[in-house]
Amino acid sequence: MTDLPYILVLYYSRHGATAALAAEVVRGVNQVESMDCRLRTVPEVSPKSEQIQASIPDDGPLYCELDDLSQCAGLVVGSPTRFGNMAAELKYFFDQTTSLWLSGDLIDKPAGGFTSTSSMHGGQESTLLSMLLPLLHQGMVYAGIPYSEKSLHHTRQGGTPYGASHVAMDRDQGLTQDEKLLARALGERIATLALKLQS
């Protein structure tokens, strides 16, 4: 266990595309010295908006606890698109963060977002904006991807100034090189901003 400050990469993924983006965001965070990374996910919820899975997943990242969020130096959050919005699983998690809003634990910490859609115009930017809303209420400082990132100029799939993204289309299609580079750039940017805001 390290004593370094960490960026929390928190995501929900149903078919693996958002998880693949999360892995690239982690690679970006790991490019920044003096900053660690913590990868977490959230459990499934039922149609009644109740958590339906055990407290520890069978495989993959651990489920996020409020302490993971309250103690992070920065946050990068990811979700697949559900009708132009974040997935219910992630929304359910954020709905449980009132105590952090009351304590102000997340105020002035940097945050960014990433998403995946099955079609080119499936609502990536609106999903990224929907994830931004609870972060603003928590007092976080949202950062997207600047156009100084060359891949943002010539990507033909995912990647937006609002955050990293992937166009899945055929589920067997992996991330493009531009999508990988932009996800890494987002992770690196949030980690760099977190160090600057802590000094």
Protein backbone atom coordinates (compact mmCIF):
# COMPACT_ATOMS: atom_id res chain seq x y z
CA MET A 1 0.00 0.00 0.00
CA THR A 2 1.38 3.40 -1.01
CA ASP A 3 1.03 6.74 0.76
CA LEU A 4 0.93 8.63 -2.54
CA PRO A 5 -2.17 10.63 -3.42
CA TYR A 6 -4.31 8.79 -5.96
CA ILE A 7 -6.68 9.39 -8.84
CA LEU A 8 -9.85 7.34 -8.57
CA VAL A 9 -10.87 5.83 -11.91
CA LEU A 10 -14.48 4.84 -11.30
CA TYR A 11 -16.57 3.19 -14.00
CA TYR A 12 -19.44 0.90 -14.87
CA SER A 13 -19.18 -1.41 -17.89
CA ARG A 14 -21.67 -3.95 -19.22
CA HIS A 15 -19.90 -5.38 -22.28
CA GLY A 16 -16.29 -4.35 -21.68
CA ALA A 17 -15.83 -1.25 -23.87
CA THR A 18 -15.99 1.21 -20.98
CA ALA A 19 -13.67 -1.05 -18.97
CA ALA A 20 -11.18 -0.93 -21.85
CA LEU A 21 -11.28 2.88 -21.77
CA ALA A 22 -10.78 2.80 -17.99
CA ALA A 23 -7.61 0.73 -18.46
CA GLU A 24 -6.23 3.39 -20.83
CA VAL A 25 -7.12 6.18 -18.40
CA VAL A 26 -5.16 4.28 -15.72
CA ARG A 27 -2.17 4.12 -18.09
CA GLY A 28 -2.34 7.88 -18.44
CA VAL A 29 -2.51 8.46 -14.70
CA ASN A 30 0.48 6.19 -14.23
CA GLN A 31 2.56 8.47 -16.46
CA VAL A 32 2.53 11.10 -13.71
CA GLU A 33 5.16 10.74 -10.99
CA SER A 34 4.08 11.17 -7.38
CA MET A 35 0.52 10.12 -8.20
CA ASP A 36 -1.05 6.70 -7.71
CA CYS A 37 -4.20 5.28 -9.27
CA ARG A 38 -7.13 3.35 -7.80
CA LEU A 39 -9.48 1.48 -10.18
CA ARG A 40 -13.02 0.84 -8.94
CA THR A 41 -16.42 -0.14 -10.34
CA VAL A 42 -20.03 -0.19 -9.13
CA PRO A 43 -22.45 -3.11 -8.78
CA GLU A 44 -25.49 -3.86 -10.90
CA VAL A 45 -28.84 -2.49 -9.77
CA SER A 46 -32.30 -3.97 -10.17
CA PRO A 47 -35.16 -2.28 -12.08
CA LYS A 48 -36.27 -1.03 -8.64
CA SER A 49 -32.95 0.84 -8.32
CA GLU A 50 -31.63 -1.39 -5.58
CA GLN A 51 -28.13 -2.82 -5.45
CA ILE A 52 -28.44 -6.52 -6.26
CA GLN A 53 -24.89 -7.83 -6.15
CA ALA A 54 -22.69 -8.92 -3.29
CA SER A 55 -20.38 -6.39 -1.67
CA ILE A 56 -17.28 -7.92 -3.29
CA PRO A 57 -17.21 -8.77 -7.02
CA ASP A 58 -16.15 -12.21 -8.22
CA ASP A 59 -13.42 -10.73 -10.44
CA GLY A 60 -12.10 -7.41 -11.71
CA PRO A 61 -11.85 -4.18 -9.68
CA LEU A 62 -13.41 -3.82 -6.24
CA TYR A 63 -16.66 -1.94 -5.82
CA CYS A 64 -16.15 1.70 -4.93
CA GLU A 65 -16.65 2.76 -1.32
CA LEU A 66 -17.39 6.31 -0.26
CA ASP A 67 -13.93 6.45 1.36
CA ASP A 68 -12.34 5.71 -2.04
CA LEU A 69 -14.11 8.78 -3.37
CA SER A 70 -13.69 11.11 -0.39
CA GLN A 71 -9.94 10.51 -0.11
CA CYS A 72 -9.02 10.71 -3.80
CA ALA A 73 -6.94 13.57 -5.17
CA GLY A 74 -8.97 13.53 -8.39
CA LEU A 75 -11.63 11.50 -10.19
CA VAL A 76 -12.12 10.13 -13.70
CA VAL A 77 -15.56 8.59 -14.09
CA GLY A 78 -16.83 6.41 -16.93
CA SER A 79 -20.11 4.94 -18.08
CA PRO A 80 -21.67 3.46 -21.19
CA THR A 81 -24.38 5.60 -22.72
CA ARG A 82 -27.99 4.80 -21.84
CA PHE A 83 -30.33 6.92 -23.97
CA GLY A 84 -27.88 9.82 -23.85
CA ASN A 85 -27.33 9.52 -20.12
CA MET A 86 -25.06 7.72 -17.66
CA ALA A 87 -26.01 4.17 -16.70
CA ALA A 88 -28.39 3.70 -13.76
CA GLU A 89 -25.68 1.85 -11.83
CA LEU A 90 -23.40 4.87 -11.78
CA LYS A 91 -26.27 7.28 -11.08
CA TYR A 92 -27.32 5.09 -8.15
CA PHE A 93 -23.80 5.32 -6.73
CA PHE A 94 -23.70 9.12 -7.01
CA ASP A 95 -27.12 9.32 -5.38
CA GLN A 96 -25.52 7.80 -2.27
CA THR A 97 -22.86 10.54 -1.93
CA THR A 98 -24.85 13.12 0.03
CA SER A 99 -22.50 12.78 3.01
CA LEU A 100 -19.59 13.88 0.81
CA TRP A 101 -21.61 16.85 -0.42
CA LEU A 102 -22.31 17.83 3.20
CA SER A 103 -18.67 17.43 4.24
CA GLY A 104 -17.27 19.15 1.15
CA ASP A 105 -14.63 16.44 0.73
CA LEU A 106 -14.58 16.73 -3.08
CA ILE A 107 -14.48 20.51 -3.39
CA ASP A 108 -11.72 21.79 -5.70
CA LYS A 109 -10.57 18.33 -6.79
CA PRO A 110 -10.21 17.78 -10.57
CA ALA A 111 -12.51 15.41 -12.43
CA GLY A 112 -12.99 14.11 -15.96
CA GLY A 113 -15.21 11.62 -17.76
CA PHE A 114 -15.28 8.90 -20.41
CA THR A 115 -18.01 6.95 -22.17
CA SER A 116 -18.77 4.38 -24.85
CA THR A 117 -21.67 4.12 -27.28
CA SER A 118 -22.71 1.47 -29.77
CA SER A 119 -23.23 4.05 -32.54
CA MET A 120 -21.47 7.17 -33.78
CA HIS A 121 -24.26 9.52 -32.74
CA GLY A 122 -25.45 7.61 -29.69
CA GLY A 123 -25.19 10.44 -27.18
CA GLN A 124 -21.55 10.48 -26.09
CA GLU A 125 -21.38 14.17 -25.33
CA SER A 126 -24.72 14.28 -23.50
CA THR A 127 -23.60 11.30 -21.40
CA LEU A 128 -20.35 13.06 -20.49
CA LEU A 129 -22.34 16.15 -19.56
CA SER A 130 -24.76 14.06 -17.46
CA MET A 131 -21.83 12.69 -15.46
CA LEU A 132 -20.58 16.25 -14.98
CA LEU A 133 -23.73 17.35 -13.11
CA PRO A 134 -23.19 15.50 -9.79
CA LEU A 135 -19.50 16.42 -9.90
CA LEU A 136 -20.33 20.11 -10.12
CA HIS A 137 -22.73 19.76 -7.20
CA GLN A 138 -19.85 18.22 -5.25
CA GLY A 139 -17.70 21.26 -6.03
CA MET A 140 -15.25 19.42 -8.29
CA VAL A 141 -13.33 21.11 -11.10
CA TYR A 142 -14.19 19.41 -14.39
CA ALA A 143 -11.53 19.14 -17.09
CA GLY A 144 -11.99 17.80 -20.59
CA ILE A 145 -9.45 17.11 -23.32
CA PRO A 146 -7.84 20.18 -24.95
CA TYR A 147 -7.35 20.44 -28.70
CA SER A 148 -3.62 20.47 -28.11
CA GLU A 149 -4.07 16.68 -28.20
CA LYS A 150 -3.46 15.88 -31.89
CA SER A 151 -5.71 12.82 -31.84
CA LEU A 152 -8.69 15.05 -31.12
CA HIS A 153 -8.22 16.65 -34.55
CA HIS A 154 -8.18 13.50 -36.65
CA THR A 155 -10.11 10.83 -34.74
CA ARG A 156 -12.80 9.18 -36.89
CA GLN A 157 -14.34 7.26 -34.00
CA GLY A 158 -14.48 8.36 -30.35
CA GLY A 159 -12.87 11.28 -28.57
CA THR A 160 -14.38 14.64 -27.62
CA PRO A 161 -13.27 17.80 -25.83
CA TYR A 162 -15.81 16.84 -23.13
CA GLY A 163 -13.91 13.64 -22.33
CA ALA A 164 -12.62 10.36 -23.73
CA SER A 165 -14.99 8.10 -25.66
CA HIS A 166 -15.26 4.99 -27.81
CA VAL A 167 -17.63 4.03 -30.61
CA ALA A 168 -18.18 0.32 -30.15
CA MET A 169 -20.45 -0.48 -33.15
CA ASP A 170 -19.46 -4.14 -33.52
CA ARG A 171 -18.71 -5.36 -29.99
CA ASP A 172 -15.66 -7.21 -31.30
CA GLN A 173 -14.11 -3.92 -32.39
CA GLY A 174 -11.53 -2.74 -29.87
CA LEU A 175 -10.41 0.79 -29.12
CA THR A 176 -8.79 2.69 -31.96
CA GLN A 177 -5.32 4.15 -31.44
CA ASP A 178 -6.80 7.66 -31.23
CA GLU A 179 -9.31 6.54 -28.60
CA LYS A 180 -6.50 4.98 -26.55
CA LEU A 181 -4.32 8.07 -26.79
CA LEU A 182 -7.15 10.39 -25.78
CA ALA A 183 -8.12 8.25 -22.79
CA ARG A 184 -4.48 8.21 -21.66
CA ALA A 185 -4.26 11.98 -22.17
CA LEU A 186 -7.33 12.46 -19.98
CA GLY A 187 -5.87 10.34 -17.17
CA GLU A 188 -2.55 12.15 -17.36
CA ARG A 189 -4.25 15.55 -17.36
CA ILE A 190 -6.39 14.85 -14.28
CA ALA A 191 -3.36 13.49 -12.41
CA THR A 192 -1.26 16.51 -13.36
CA LEU A 193 -4.01 18.93 -12.35
CA ALA A 194 -4.46 17.10 -9.04
CA LEU A 195 -0.78 17.63 -8.20
CA LYS A 196 -0.98 21.30 -9.12
CA LEU A 197 -4.14 21.86 -7.07
CA GLN A 198 -2.58 20.15 -4.04
CA SER A 199 0.49 22.40 -4.04
